Amino acid sequence: MGTQGRCVVIEEDPDIRGLLCLALSRAGFNVKTESTGAAGVHAVAEDEHVELVTVDVALPDLRGSTVLHALREVSRVPILVISARAEPVDRLTALESGATAYLTKPFRLRELQDLVHTLAPAK
């Protein structure tokens, strides 16, 4: 599979961050990872070639909605929220704050792959 472009993973948990990096790399992305919302927003703002962002809304420095709004100020790329928060209000809040799609943890890798290919189709 050819390289699709760049992806930024914003995830506090190092194990999940590593899993997402591996899965997205296998999907053809050049992946950059960040563990805080501020660093993630900065990474997206500095790279005009980012084609997908994944965000965990439970970050150590900023509220998830704040990160999503900040990402929308710097980019229009698809944003996939991956969160343990599974209540309908959490999904709605994320989508209203700028997320393109929402995936709850735990998730199946196949579900992630399918969603990623829908959001950032191969070139």
PDB file of N, CA and C in Angstrom:
ATOM      1  N   MET A   1       0.852  -1.188   0.000  1.00  0.00           N
ATOM      2  CA  MET A   1       0.000   0.000   0.000  1.00  0.00           C
ATOM      3  C   MET A   1       0.891   1.241   0.000  1.00  0.00           C
ATOM      4  N   GLY A   2       0.601   2.222  -0.824  1.00  0.00           N
ATOM      5  CA  GLY A   2       1.388   3.430  -0.909  1.00  0.00           C
ATOM      6  C   GLY A   2       1.113   4.373   0.245  1.00  0.00           C
ATOM      7  N   THR A   3       1.993   5.337   0.387  1.00  0.00           N
ATOM      8  CA  THR A   3       1.823   6.308   1.448  1.00  0.00           C
ATOM      9  C   THR A   3       0.666   7.237   1.116  1.00  0.00           C
ATOM     10  N   GLN A   4      -0.235   7.406   2.069  1.00  0.00           N
ATOM     11  CA  GLN A   4      -1.380   8.290   1.884  1.00  0.00           C
ATOM     12  C   GLN A   4      -1.048   9.724   2.248  1.00  0.00           C
ATOM     13  N   GLY A   5      -0.164   9.915   3.135  1.00  0.00           N
ATOM     14  CA  GLY A   5       0.132  11.238   3.635  1.00  0.00           C
ATOM     15  C   GLY A   5       0.484  11.173   5.100  1.00  0.00           C
ATOM     16  N   ARG A   6       0.332  12.275   5.746  1.00  0.00           N
ATOM     17  CA  ARG A   6       0.715  12.347   7.153  1.00  0.00           C
ATOM     18  C   ARG A   6      -0.503  12.311   8.058  1.00  0.00           C
ATOM     19  N   CYS A   7      -0.283  11.729   9.220  1.00  0.00           N
ATOM     20  CA  CYS A   7      -1.314  11.654  10.247  1.00  0.00           C
ATOM     21  C   CYS A   7      -0.697  12.086  11.566  1.00  0.00           C
ATOM     22  N   VAL A   8      -1.442  12.841  12.345  1.00  0.00           N
ATOM     23  CA  VAL A   8      -1.008  13.212  13.693  1.00  0.00           C
ATOM     24  C   VAL A   8      -1.923  12.504  14.679  1.00  0.00           C
ATOM     25  N   VAL A   9      -1.316  11.764  15.599  1.00  0.00           N
ATOM     26  CA  VAL A   9      -2.021  11.061  16.662  1.00  0.00           C
ATOM     27  C   VAL A   9      -1.797  11.839  17.956  1.00  0.00           C
ATOM     28  N   ILE A  10      -2.901  12.297  18.561  1.00  0.00           N
ATOM     29  CA  ILE A  10      -2.826  13.029  19.828  1.00  0.00           C
ATOM     30  C   ILE A  10      -3.457  12.124  20.884  1.00  0.00           C
ATOM     31  N   GLU A  11      -2.613  11.487  21.681  1.00  0.00           N
ATOM     32  CA  GLU A  11      -3.049  10.465  22.628  1.00  0.00           C
ATOM     33  C   GLU A  11      -2.110  10.446  23.828  1.00  0.00           C
ATOM     34  N   GLU A  12      -2.677  10.536  25.026  1.00  0.00           N
ATOM     35  CA  GLU A  12      -1.872  10.552  26.245  1.00  0.00           C
ATOM     36  C   GLU A  12      -1.278   9.183  26.577  1.00  0.00           C
ATOM     37  N   ASP A  13      -2.049   8.124  26.430  1.00  0.00           N
ATOM     38  CA  ASP A  13      -1.623   6.784  26.826  1.00  0.00           C
ATOM     39  C   ASP A  13      -0.571   6.243  25.849  1.00  0.00           C
ATOM     40  N   PRO A  14       0.638   5.949  26.336  1.00  0.00           N
ATOM     41  CA  PRO A  14       1.703   5.508  25.418  1.00  0.00           C
ATOM     42  C   PRO A  14       1.398   4.183  24.718  1.00  0.00           C
ATOM     43  N   ASP A  15       0.683   3.277  25.376  1.00  0.00           N
ATOM     44  CA  ASP A  15       0.352   1.997  24.734  1.00  0.00           C
ATOM     45  C   ASP A  15      -0.621   2.193  23.575  1.00  0.00           C
ATOM     46  N   ILE A  16      -1.645   2.988  23.800  1.00  0.00           N
ATOM     47  CA  ILE A  16      -2.622   3.246  22.738  1.00  0.00           C
ATOM     48  C   ILE A  16      -1.976   4.079  21.638  1.00  0.00           C
ATOM     49  N   ARG A  17      -1.141   5.024  22.029  1.00  0.00           N
ATOM     50  CA  ARG A  17      -0.424   5.839  21.040  1.00  0.00           C
ATOM     51  C   ARG A  17       0.419   4.934  20.136  1.00  0.00           C
ATOM     52  N   GLY A  18       1.117   3.971  20.723  1.00  0.00           N
ATOM     53  CA  GLY A  18       1.929   3.041  19.938  1.00  0.00           C
ATOM     54  C   GLY A  18       1.095   2.169  19.021  1.00  0.00           C
ATOM     55  N   LEU A  19      -0.039   1.682  19.532  1.00  0.00           N
ATOM     56  CA  LEU A  19      -0.943   0.864  18.727  1.00  0.00           C
ATOM     57  C   LEU A  19      -1.480   1.659  17.540  1.00  0.00           C
ATOM     58  N   LEU A  20      -1.912   2.894  17.792  1.00  0.00           N
ATOM     59  CA  LEU A  20      -2.425   3.737  16.705  1.00  0.00           C
ATOM     60  C   LEU A  20      -1.335   4.037  15.686  1.00  0.00           C
ATOM     61  N   CYS A  21      -0.135   4.301  16.166  1.00  0.00           N
ATOM     62  CA  CYS A  21       0.982   4.576  15.259  1.00  0.00           C
ATOM     63  C   CYS A  21       1.250   3.373  14.368  1.00  0.00           C
ATOM     64  N   LEU A  22       1.261   2.183  14.954  1.00  0.00           N
ATOM     65  CA  LEU A  22       1.491   0.962  14.176  1.00  0.00           C
ATOM     66  C   LEU A  22       0.375   0.742  13.148  1.00  0.00           C
ATOM     67  N   ALA A  23      -0.877   0.837  13.598  1.00  0.00           N
ATOM     68  CA  ALA A  23      -2.014   0.598  12.707  1.00  0.00           C
ATOM     69  C   ALA A  23      -2.061   1.609  11.571  1.00  0.00           C
ATOM     70  N   LEU A  24      -1.829   2.870  11.885  1.00  0.00           N
ATOM     71  CA  LEU A  24      -1.894   3.905  10.852  1.00  0.00           C
ATOM     72  C   LEU A  24      -0.690   3.844   9.915  1.00  0.00           C
ATOM     73  N   SER A  25       0.454   3.447  10.428  1.00  0.00           N
ATOM     74  CA  SER A  25       1.627   3.253   9.566  1.00  0.00           C
ATOM     75  C   SER A  25       1.359   2.133   8.566  1.00  0.00           C
ATOM     76  N   ARG A  26       0.756   1.058   9.061  1.00  0.00           N
ATOM     77  CA  ARG A  26       0.414  -0.061   8.168  1.00  0.00           C
ATOM     78  C   ARG A  26      -0.634   0.337   7.135  1.00  0.00           C
ATOM     79  N   ALA A  27      -1.434   1.354   7.467  1.00  0.00           N
ATOM     80  CA  ALA A  27      -2.433   1.855   6.519  1.00  0.00           C
ATOM     81  C   ALA A  27      -1.819   2.829   5.510  1.00  0.00           C
ATOM     82  N   GLY A  28      -0.511   3.076   5.633  1.00  0.00           N
ATOM     83  CA  GLY A  28       0.181   3.906   4.656  1.00  0.00           C
ATOM     84  C   GLY A  28       0.499   5.317   5.091  1.00  0.00           C
ATOM     85  N   PHE A  29       0.230   5.641   6.349  1.00  0.00           N
ATOM     86  CA  PHE A  29       0.488   6.994   6.828  1.00  0.00           C
ATOM     87  C   PHE A  29       1.881   7.137   7.413  1.00  0.00           C
ATOM     88  N   ASN A  30       2.432   8.304   7.262  1.00  0.00           N
ATOM     89  CA  ASN A  30       3.623   8.721   7.998  1.00  0.00           C
ATOM     90  C   ASN A  30       3.059   9.360   9.269  1.00  0.00           C
ATOM     91  N   VAL A  31       3.267   8.742  10.418  1.00  0.00           N
ATOM     92  CA  VAL A  31       2.584   9.139  11.648  1.00  0.00           C
ATOM     93  C   VAL A  31       3.497   9.919  12.582  1.00  0.00           C
ATOM     94  N   LYS A  32       2.973  11.026  13.068  1.00  0.00           N
ATOM     95  CA  LYS A  32       3.623  11.804  14.125  1.00  0.00           C
ATOM     96  C   LYS A  32       2.730  11.690  15.348  1.00  0.00           C
ATOM     97  N   THR A  33       3.316  11.437  16.510  1.00  0.00           N
ATOM     98  CA  THR A  33       2.526  11.295  17.722  1.00  0.00           C
ATOM     99  C   THR A  33       2.840  12.413  18.703  1.00  0.00           C
ATOM    100  N   GLU A  34       1.813  12.810  19.422  1.00  0.00           N
ATOM    101  CA  GLU A  34       1.934  13.816  20.481  1.00  0.00           C
ATOM    102  C   GLU A  34       1.108  13.357  21.676  1.00  0.00           C
ATOM    103  N   SER A  35       1.559  13.701  22.881  1.00  0.00           N
ATOM    104  CA  SER A  35       0.860  13.260  24.094  1.00  0.00           C
ATOM    105  C   SER A  35       0.038  14.360  24.760  1.00  0.00           C
ATOM    106  N   THR A  36       0.097  15.570  24.224  1.00  0.00           N
ATOM    107  CA  THR A  36      -0.705  16.661  24.780  1.00  0.00           C
ATOM    108  C   THR A  36      -1.473  17.364  23.667  1.00  0.00           C
ATOM    109  N   GLY A  37      -2.553  18.015  24.058  1.00  0.00           N
ATOM    110  CA  GLY A  37      -3.357  18.740  23.091  1.00  0.00           C
ATOM    111  C   GLY A  37      -2.599  19.886  22.450  1.00  0.00           C
ATOM    112  N   ALA A  38      -1.875  20.646  23.250  1.00  0.00           N
ATOM    113  CA  ALA A  38      -1.141  21.796  22.727  1.00  0.00           C
ATOM    114  C   ALA A  38      -0.093  21.368  21.702  1.00  0.00           C
ATOM    115  N   ALA A  39       0.653  20.309  22.015  1.00  0.00           N
ATOM    116  CA  ALA A  39       1.673  19.822  21.084  1.00  0.00           C
ATOM    117  C   ALA A  39       1.022  19.287  19.811  1.00  0.00           C
ATOM    118  N   GLY A  40      -0.122  18.634  19.941  1.00  0.00           N
ATOM    119  CA  GLY A  40      -0.822  18.114  18.782  1.00  0.00           C
ATOM    120  C   GLY A  40      -1.315  19.210  17.859  1.00  0.00           C
ATOM    121  N   VAL A  41      -1.922  20.231  18.438  1.00  0.00           N
ATOM    122  CA  VAL A  41      -2.401  21.363  17.633  1.00  0.00           C
ATOM    123  C   VAL A  41      -1.222  22.026  16.930  1.00  0.00           C
ATOM    124  N   HIS A  42      -0.115  22.193  17.630  1.00  0.00           N
ATOM    125  CA  HIS A  42       1.078  22.797  17.043  1.00  0.00           C
ATOM    126  C   HIS A  42       1.591  21.949  15.872  1.00  0.00           C
ATOM    127  N   ALA A  43       1.615  20.626  16.051  1.00  0.00           N
ATOM    128  CA  ALA A  43       2.098  19.736  14.990  1.00  0.00           C
ATOM    129  C   ALA A  43       1.233  19.848  13.739  1.00  0.00           C
ATOM    130  N   VAL A  44      -0.073  19.932  13.920  1.00  0.00           N
ATOM    131  CA  VAL A  44      -0.979  20.058  12.773  1.00  0.00           C
ATOM    132  C   VAL A  44      -0.806  21.424  12.110  1.00  0.00           C
ATOM    133  N   ALA A  45      -0.685  22.459  12.910  1.00  0.00           N
ATOM    134  CA  ALA A  45      -0.536  23.810  12.364  1.00  0.00           C
ATOM    135  C   ALA A  45       0.762  23.969  11.571  1.00  0.00           C
ATOM    136  N   GLU A  46       1.798  23.252  11.960  1.00  0.00           N
ATOM    137  CA  GLU A  46       3.106  23.377  11.320  1.00  0.00           C
ATOM    138  C   GLU A  46       3.276  22.516  10.071  1.00  0.00           C
ATOM    139  N   ASP A  47       2.344  21.609   9.813  1.00  0.00           N
ATOM    140  CA  ASP A  47       2.506  20.678   8.700  1.00  0.00           C
ATOM    141  C   ASP A  47       1.292  20.748   7.771  1.00  0.00           C
ATOM    142  N   GLU A  48       1.453  21.379   6.648  1.00  0.00           N
ATOM    143  CA  GLU A  48       0.344  21.545   5.705  1.00  0.00           C
ATOM    144  C   GLU A  48      -0.008  20.255   4.974  1.00  0.00           C
ATOM    145  N   HIS A  49       0.761  19.191   5.171  1.00  0.00           N
ATOM    146  CA  HIS A  49       0.508  17.929   4.482  1.00  0.00           C
ATOM    147  C   HIS A  49      -0.221  16.894   5.336  1.00  0.00           C
ATOM    148  N   VAL A  50      -0.642  17.295   6.538  1.00  0.00           N
ATOM    149  CA  VAL A  50      -1.402  16.370   7.385  1.00  0.00           C
ATOM    150  C   VAL A  50      -2.738  16.077   6.705  1.00  0.00           C
ATOM    151  N   GLU A  51      -3.093  14.787   6.640  1.00  0.00           N
ATOM    152  CA  GLU A  51      -4.344  14.382   6.000  1.00  0.00           C
ATOM    153  C   GLU A  51      -5.341  13.775   6.966  1.00  0.00           C
ATOM    154  N   LEU A  52      -4.908  13.498   8.203  1.00  0.00           N
ATOM    155  CA  LEU A  52      -5.788  12.916   9.205  1.00  0.00           C
ATOM    156  C   LEU A  52      -5.221  13.203  10.584  1.00  0.00           C
ATOM    157  N   VAL A  53      -6.125  13.473  11.530  1.00  0.00           N
ATOM    158  CA  VAL A  53      -5.731  13.664  12.930  1.00  0.00           C
ATOM    159  C   VAL A  53      -6.601  12.747  13.774  1.00  0.00           C
ATOM    160  N   THR A  54      -5.976  12.047  14.734  1.00  0.00           N
ATOM    161  CA  THR A  54      -6.751  11.315  15.731  1.00  0.00           C
ATOM    162  C   THR A  54      -6.526  12.001  17.069  1.00  0.00           C
ATOM    163  N   VAL A  55      -7.591  12.080  17.858  1.00  0.00           N
ATOM    164  CA  VAL A  55      -7.525  12.805  19.135  1.00  0.00           C
ATOM    165  C   VAL A  55      -8.238  12.010  20.224  1.00  0.00           C
ATOM    166  N   ASP A  56      -7.575  11.866  21.351  1.00  0.00           N
ATOM    167  CA  ASP A  56      -8.245  11.387  22.554  1.00  0.00           C
ATOM    168  C   ASP A  56      -8.676  12.643  23.299  1.00  0.00           C
ATOM    169  N   VAL A  57      -9.930  12.747  23.650  1.00  0.00           N
ATOM    170  CA  VAL A  57     -10.415  13.982  24.272  1.00  0.00           C
ATOM    171  C   VAL A  57     -10.046  14.082  25.753  1.00  0.00           C
ATOM    172  N   ALA A  58      -9.490  13.023  26.340  1.00  0.00           N
ATOM    173  CA  ALA A  58      -9.036  13.065  27.732  1.00  0.00           C
ATOM    174  C   ALA A  58      -7.526  13.270  27.737  1.00  0.00           C
ATOM    175  N   LEU A  59      -7.114  14.515  27.591  1.00  0.00           N
ATOM    176  CA  LEU A  59      -5.696  14.859  27.536  1.00  0.00           C
ATOM    177  C   LEU A  59      -5.276  15.583  28.807  1.00  0.00           C
ATOM    178  N   PRO A  60      -3.987  15.567  29.139  1.00  0.00           N
ATOM    179  CA  PRO A  60      -3.547  16.138  30.409  1.00  0.00           C
ATOM    180  C   PRO A  60      -3.553  17.662  30.479  1.00  0.00           C
ATOM    181  N   ASP A  61      -3.534  18.328  29.340  1.00  0.00           N
ATOM    182  CA  ASP A  61      -3.359  19.777  29.379  1.00  0.00           C
ATOM    183  C   ASP A  61      -4.586  20.593  28.982  1.00  0.00           C
ATOM    184  N   LEU A  62      -5.396  20.088  28.060  1.00  0.00           N
ATOM    185  CA  LEU A  62      -6.528  20.853  27.543  1.00  0.00           C
ATOM    186  C   LEU A  62      -7.769  19.975  27.474  1.00  0.00           C
ATOM    187  N   ARG A  63      -8.931  20.589  27.598  1.00  0.00           N
ATOM    188  CA  ARG A  63     -10.193  19.866  27.403  1.00  0.00           C
ATOM    189  C   ARG A  63     -10.293  19.445  25.941  1.00  0.00           C
ATOM    190  N   GLY A  64     -10.956  18.316  25.719  1.00  0.00           N
ATOM    191  CA  GLY A  64     -11.094  17.807  24.360  1.00  0.00           C
ATOM    192  C   GLY A  64     -11.747  18.793  23.418  1.00  0.00           C
ATOM    193  N   SER A  65     -12.803  19.458  23.874  1.00  0.00           N
ATOM    194  CA  SER A  65     -13.485  20.416  22.999  1.00  0.00           C
ATOM    195  C   SER A  65     -12.567  21.584  22.645  1.00  0.00           C
ATOM    196  N   THR A  66     -11.704  21.972  23.563  1.00  0.00           N
ATOM    197  CA  THR A  66     -10.744  23.043  23.300  1.00  0.00           C
ATOM    198  C   THR A  66      -9.763  22.618  22.217  1.00  0.00           C
ATOM    199  N   VAL A  67      -9.272  21.387  22.301  1.00  0.00           N
ATOM    200  CA  VAL A  67      -8.344  20.867  21.297  1.00  0.00           C
ATOM    201  C   VAL A  67      -9.029  20.798  19.927  1.00  0.00           C
ATOM    202  N   LEU A  68     -10.252  20.307  19.904  1.00  0.00           N
ATOM    203  CA  LEU A  68     -10.972  20.199  18.631  1.00  0.00           C
ATOM    204  C   LEU A  68     -11.209  21.569  17.999  1.00  0.00           C
ATOM    205  N   HIS A  69     -11.624  22.539  18.795  1.00  0.00           N
ATOM    206  CA  HIS A  69     -11.819  23.898  18.266  1.00  0.00           C
ATOM    207  C   HIS A  69     -10.502  24.473  17.745  1.00  0.00           C
ATOM    208  N   ALA A  70      -9.422  24.262  18.485  1.00  0.00           N
ATOM    209  CA  ALA A  70      -8.112  24.774  18.069  1.00  0.00           C
ATOM    210  C   ALA A  70      -7.652  24.102  16.768  1.00  0.00           C
ATOM    211  N   LEU A  71      -7.882  22.804  16.657  1.00  0.00           N
ATOM    212  CA  LEU A  71      -7.529  22.111  15.415  1.00  0.00           C
ATOM    213  C   LEU A  71      -8.312  22.666  14.241  1.00  0.00           C
ATOM    214  N   ARG A  72      -9.586  22.953  14.447  1.00  0.00           N
ATOM    215  CA  ARG A  72     -10.413  23.496  13.366  1.00  0.00           C
ATOM    216  C   ARG A  72      -9.976  24.901  12.961  1.00  0.00           C
ATOM    217  N   GLU A  73      -9.343  25.614  13.874  1.00  0.00           N
ATOM    218  CA  GLU A  73      -8.838  26.954  13.531  1.00  0.00           C
ATOM    219  C   GLU A  73      -7.635  26.874  12.601  1.00  0.00           C
ATOM    220  N   VAL A  74      -6.891  25.758  12.659  1.00  0.00           N
ATOM    221  CA  VAL A  74      -5.665  25.656  11.861  1.00  0.00           C
ATOM    222  C   VAL A  74      -5.770  24.693  10.687  1.00  0.00           C
ATOM    223  N   SER A  75      -6.835  23.867  10.638  1.00  0.00           N
ATOM    224  CA  SER A  75      -6.909  22.858   9.580  1.00  0.00           C
ATOM    225  C   SER A  75      -8.346  22.393   9.347  1.00  0.00           C
ATOM    226  N   ARG A  76      -8.600  21.931   8.137  1.00  0.00           N
ATOM    227  CA  ARG A  76      -9.905  21.359   7.780  1.00  0.00           C
ATOM    228  C   ARG A  76      -9.808  19.851   7.562  1.00  0.00           C
ATOM    229  N   VAL A  77      -8.687  19.222   7.922  1.00  0.00           N
ATOM    230  CA  VAL A  77      -8.522  17.778   7.715  1.00  0.00           C
ATOM    231  C   VAL A  77      -9.498  16.997   8.583  1.00  0.00           C
ATOM    232  N   PRO A  78      -9.796  15.755   8.195  1.00  0.00           N
ATOM    233  CA  PRO A  78     -10.662  14.927   9.042  1.00  0.00           C
ATOM    234  C   PRO A  78     -10.041  14.698  10.414  1.00  0.00           C
ATOM    235  N   ILE A  79     -10.878  14.781  11.439  1.00  0.00           N
ATOM    236  CA  ILE A  79     -10.448  14.538  12.817  1.00  0.00           C
ATOM    237  C   ILE A  79     -11.255  13.367  13.351  1.00  0.00           C
ATOM    238  N   LEU A  80     -10.546  12.321  13.741  1.00  0.00           N
ATOM    239  CA  LEU A  80     -11.164  11.142  14.332  1.00  0.00           C
ATOM    240  C   LEU A  80     -10.916  11.164  15.832  1.00  0.00           C
ATOM    241  N   VAL A  81     -11.971  11.295  16.609  1.00  0.00           N
ATOM    242  CA  VAL A  81     -11.851  11.214  18.066  1.00  0.00           C
ATOM    243  C   VAL A  81     -11.891   9.738  18.440  1.00  0.00           C
ATOM    244  N   ILE A  82     -10.924   9.331  19.252  1.00  0.00           N
ATOM    245  CA  ILE A  82     -10.876   7.969  19.780  1.00  0.00           C
ATOM    246  C   ILE A  82     -10.874   8.100  21.294  1.00  0.00           C
ATOM    247  N   SER A  83     -11.979   7.705  21.926  1.00  0.00           N
ATOM    248  CA  SER A  83     -12.165   7.992  23.344  1.00  0.00           C
ATOM    249  C   SER A  83     -12.843   6.844  24.075  1.00  0.00           C
ATOM    250  N   ALA A  84     -12.547   6.734  25.351  1.00  0.00           N
ATOM    251  CA  ALA A  84     -13.232   5.767  26.219  1.00  0.00           C
ATOM    252  C   ALA A  84     -14.608   6.283  26.622  1.00  0.00           C
ATOM    253  N   ARG A  85     -14.853   7.550  26.409  1.00  0.00           N
ATOM    254  CA  ARG A  85     -16.148   8.140  26.747  1.00  0.00           C
ATOM    255  C   ARG A  85     -17.180   7.688  25.722  1.00  0.00           C
ATOM    256  N   ALA A  86     -18.164   6.933  26.180  1.00  0.00           N
ATOM    257  CA  ALA A  86     -19.091   6.280  25.257  1.00  0.00           C
ATOM    258  C   ALA A  86     -20.519   6.800  25.331  1.00  0.00           C
ATOM    259  N   GLU A  87     -20.763   7.823  26.113  1.00  0.00           N
ATOM    260  CA  GLU A  87     -22.113   8.367  26.218  1.00  0.00           C
ATOM    261  C   GLU A  87     -22.461   9.166  24.959  1.00  0.00           C
ATOM    262  N   PRO A  88     -23.714   9.140  24.536  1.00  0.00           N
ATOM    263  CA  PRO A  88     -24.118   9.909  23.349  1.00  0.00           C
ATOM    264  C   PRO A  88     -23.758  11.393  23.445  1.00  0.00           C
ATOM    265  N   VAL A  89     -23.846  11.966  24.633  1.00  0.00           N
ATOM    266  CA  VAL A  89     -23.515  13.381  24.788  1.00  0.00           C
ATOM    267  C   VAL A  89     -22.036  13.645  24.494  1.00  0.00           C
ATOM    268  N   ASP A  90     -21.160  12.685  24.808  1.00  0.00           N
ATOM    269  CA  ASP A  90     -19.733  12.846  24.523  1.00  0.00           C
ATOM    270  C   ASP A  90     -19.488  12.871  23.018  1.00  0.00           C
ATOM    271  N   ARG A  91     -20.148  11.956  22.318  1.00  0.00           N
ATOM    272  CA  ARG A  91     -20.031  11.905  20.856  1.00  0.00           C
ATOM    273  C   ARG A  91     -20.567  13.203  20.235  1.00  0.00           C
ATOM    274  N   LEU A  92     -21.722  13.641  20.693  1.00  0.00           N
ATOM    275  CA  LEU A  92     -22.331  14.859  20.170  1.00  0.00           C
ATOM    276  C   LEU A  92     -21.448  16.083  20.424  1.00  0.00           C
ATOM    277  N   THR A  93     -20.918  16.190  21.629  1.00  0.00           N
ATOM    278  CA  THR A  93     -20.035  17.311  21.967  1.00  0.00           C
ATOM    279  C   THR A  93     -18.810  17.334  21.061  1.00  0.00           C
ATOM    280  N   ALA A  94     -18.220  16.163  20.836  1.00  0.00           N
ATOM    281  CA  ALA A  94     -17.040  16.089  19.966  1.00  0.00           C
ATOM    282  C   ALA A  94     -17.381  16.504  18.538  1.00  0.00           C
ATOM    283  N   LEU A  95     -18.486  16.005  18.022  1.00  0.00           N
ATOM    284  CA  LEU A  95     -18.873  16.348  16.652  1.00  0.00           C
ATOM    285  C   LEU A  95     -19.207  17.832  16.516  1.00  0.00           C
ATOM    286  N   GLU A  96     -19.862  18.394  17.519  1.00  0.00           N
ATOM    287  CA  GLU A  96     -20.171  19.823  17.498  1.00  0.00           C
ATOM    288  C   GLU A  96     -18.913  20.687  17.647  1.00  0.00           C
ATOM    289  N   SER A  97     -17.865  20.122  18.246  1.00  0.00           N
ATOM    290  CA  SER A  97     -16.618  20.866  18.465  1.00  0.00           C
ATOM    291  C   SER A  97     -15.650  20.758  17.296  1.00  0.00           C
ATOM    292  N   GLY A  98     -16.007  19.971  16.272  1.00  0.00           N
ATOM    293  CA  GLY A  98     -15.161  19.913  15.083  1.00  0.00           C
ATOM    294  C   GLY A  98     -14.714  18.536  14.654  1.00  0.00           C
ATOM    295  N   ALA A  99     -15.025  17.496  15.424  1.00  0.00           N
ATOM    296  CA  ALA A  99     -14.638  16.146  15.023  1.00  0.00           C
ATOM    297  C   ALA A  99     -15.422  15.714  13.784  1.00  0.00           C
ATOM    298  N   THR A 100     -14.804  14.900  12.973  1.00  0.00           N
ATOM    299  CA  THR A 100     -15.441  14.346  11.787  1.00  0.00           C
ATOM    300  C   THR A 100     -16.113  13.020  12.116  1.00  0.00           C
ATOM    301  N   ALA A 101     -15.478  12.243  12.989  1.00  0.00           N
ATOM    302  CA  ALA A 101     -15.988  10.922  13.365  1.00  0.00           C
ATOM    303  C   ALA A 101     -15.552  10.615  14.787  1.00  0.00           C
ATOM    304  N   TYR A 102     -16.198   9.607  15.395  1.00  0.00           N
ATOM    305  CA  TYR A 102     -15.975   9.259  16.795  1.00  0.00           C
ATOM    306  C   TYR A 102     -15.911   7.750  16.922  1.00  0.00           C
ATOM    307  N   LEU A 103     -14.873   7.256  17.563  1.00  0.00           N
ATOM    308  CA  LEU A 103     -14.671   5.829  17.781  1.00  0.00           C
ATOM    309  C   LEU A 103     -14.431   5.610  19.263  1.00  0.00           C
ATOM    310  N   THR A 104     -15.158   4.664  19.865  1.00  0.00           N
ATOM    311  CA  THR A 104     -14.995   4.433  21.300  1.00  0.00           C
ATOM    312  C   THR A 104     -13.989   3.322  21.566  1.00  0.00           C
ATOM    313  N   LYS A 105     -13.255   3.494  22.662  1.00  0.00           N
ATOM    314  CA  LYS A 105     -12.325   2.474  23.152  1.00  0.00           C
ATOM    315  C   LYS A 105     -13.117   1.537  24.061  1.00  0.00           C
ATOM    316  N   PRO A 106     -12.816   0.274  24.067  1.00  0.00           N
ATOM    317  CA  PRO A 106     -11.882  -0.399  23.166  1.00  0.00           C
ATOM    318  C   PRO A 106     -12.487  -0.536  21.768  1.00  0.00           C
ATOM    319  N   PHE A 107     -11.627  -0.598  20.791  1.00  0.00           N
ATOM    320  CA  PHE A 107     -12.082  -0.709  19.404  1.00  0.00           C
ATOM    321  C   PHE A 107     -11.349  -1.858  18.732  1.00  0.00           C
ATOM    322  N   ARG A 108     -11.923  -2.328  17.668  1.00  0.00           N
ATOM    323  CA  ARG A 108     -11.272  -3.364  16.860  1.00  0.00           C
ATOM    324  C   ARG A 108     -10.419  -2.668  15.812  1.00  0.00           C
ATOM    325  N   LEU A 109      -9.252  -3.238  15.541  1.00  0.00           N
ATOM    326  CA  LEU A 109      -8.370  -2.635  14.546  1.00  0.00           C
ATOM    327  C   LEU A 109      -9.038  -2.554  13.178  1.00  0.00           C
ATOM    328  N   ARG A 110      -9.835  -3.544  12.844  1.00  0.00           N
ATOM    329  CA  ARG A 110     -10.530  -3.522  11.554  1.00  0.00           C
ATOM    330  C   ARG A 110     -11.495  -2.333  11.482  1.00  0.00           C
ATOM    331  N   GLU A 111     -12.164  -2.048  12.606  1.00  0.00           N
ATOM    332  CA  GLU A 111     -13.079  -0.904  12.670  1.00  0.00           C
ATOM    333  C   GLU A 111     -12.309   0.402  12.465  1.00  0.00           C
ATOM    334  N   LEU A 112     -11.143   0.506  13.094  1.00  0.00           N
ATOM    335  CA  LEU A 112     -10.300   1.688  12.920  1.00  0.00           C
ATOM    336  C   LEU A 112      -9.862   1.810  11.470  1.00  0.00           C
ATOM    337  N   GLN A 113      -9.376   0.724  10.886  1.00  0.00           N
ATOM    338  CA  GLN A 113      -8.910   0.753   9.497  1.00  0.00           C
ATOM    339  C   GLN A 113     -10.018   1.169   8.537  1.00  0.00           C
ATOM    340  N   ASP A 114     -11.198   0.603   8.722  1.00  0.00           N
ATOM    341  CA  ASP A 114     -12.319   0.943   7.840  1.00  0.00           C
ATOM    342  C   ASP A 114     -12.681   2.422   7.950  1.00  0.00           C
ATOM    343  N   LEU A 115     -12.719   2.921   9.167  1.00  0.00           N
ATOM    344  CA  LEU A 115     -13.066   4.322   9.390  1.00  0.00           C
ATOM    345  C   LEU A 115     -11.999   5.245   8.809  1.00  0.00           C
ATOM    346  N   VAL A 116     -10.746   4.906   9.001  1.00  0.00           N
ATOM    347  CA  VAL A 116      -9.653   5.713   8.476  1.00  0.00           C
ATOM    348  C   VAL A 116      -9.713   5.772   6.952  1.00  0.00           C
ATOM    349  N   HIS A 117      -9.996   4.647   6.306  1.00  0.00           N
ATOM    350  CA  HIS A 117     -10.063   4.633   4.840  1.00  0.00           C
ATOM    351  C   HIS A 117     -11.276   5.410   4.321  1.00  0.00           C
ATOM    352  N   THR A 118     -12.307   5.517   5.140  1.00  0.00           N
ATOM    353  CA  THR A 118     -13.456   6.340   4.783  1.00  0.00           C
ATOM    354  C   THR A 118     -13.128   7.822   4.899  1.00  0.00           C
ATOM    355  N   LEU A 119     -12.379   8.170   5.956  1.00  0.00           N
ATOM    356  CA  LEU A 119     -12.045   9.583   6.204  1.00  0.00           C
ATOM    357  C   LEU A 119     -10.939  10.098   5.324  1.00  0.00           C
ATOM    358  N   ALA A 120      -9.942   9.263   5.050  1.00  0.00           N
ATOM    359  CA  ALA A 120      -8.797   9.676   4.232  1.00  0.00           C
ATOM    360  C   ALA A 120      -8.522   8.586   3.209  1.00  0.00           C
ATOM    361  N   PRO A 121      -9.343   8.523   2.151  1.00  0.00           N
ATOM    362  CA  PRO A 121      -9.201   7.451   1.158  1.00  0.00           C
ATOM    363  C   PRO A 121      -7.827   7.444   0.500  1.00  0.00           C
ATOM    364  N   ALA A 122      -7.395   6.260   0.117  1.00  0.00           N
ATOM    365  CA  ALA A 122      -6.103   6.106  -0.565  1.00  0.00           C
ATOM    366  C   ALA A 122      -6.103   6.906  -1.861  1.00  0.00           C
ATOM    367  N   LYS A 123      -4.947   7.420  -2.195  1.00  0.00           N
ATOM    368  CA  LYS A 123      -4.780   8.197  -3.437  1.00  0.00           C
ATOM    369  C   LYS A 123      -4.460   7.289  -4.585  1.00  0.00           C
TER     370      LYS A 123
END
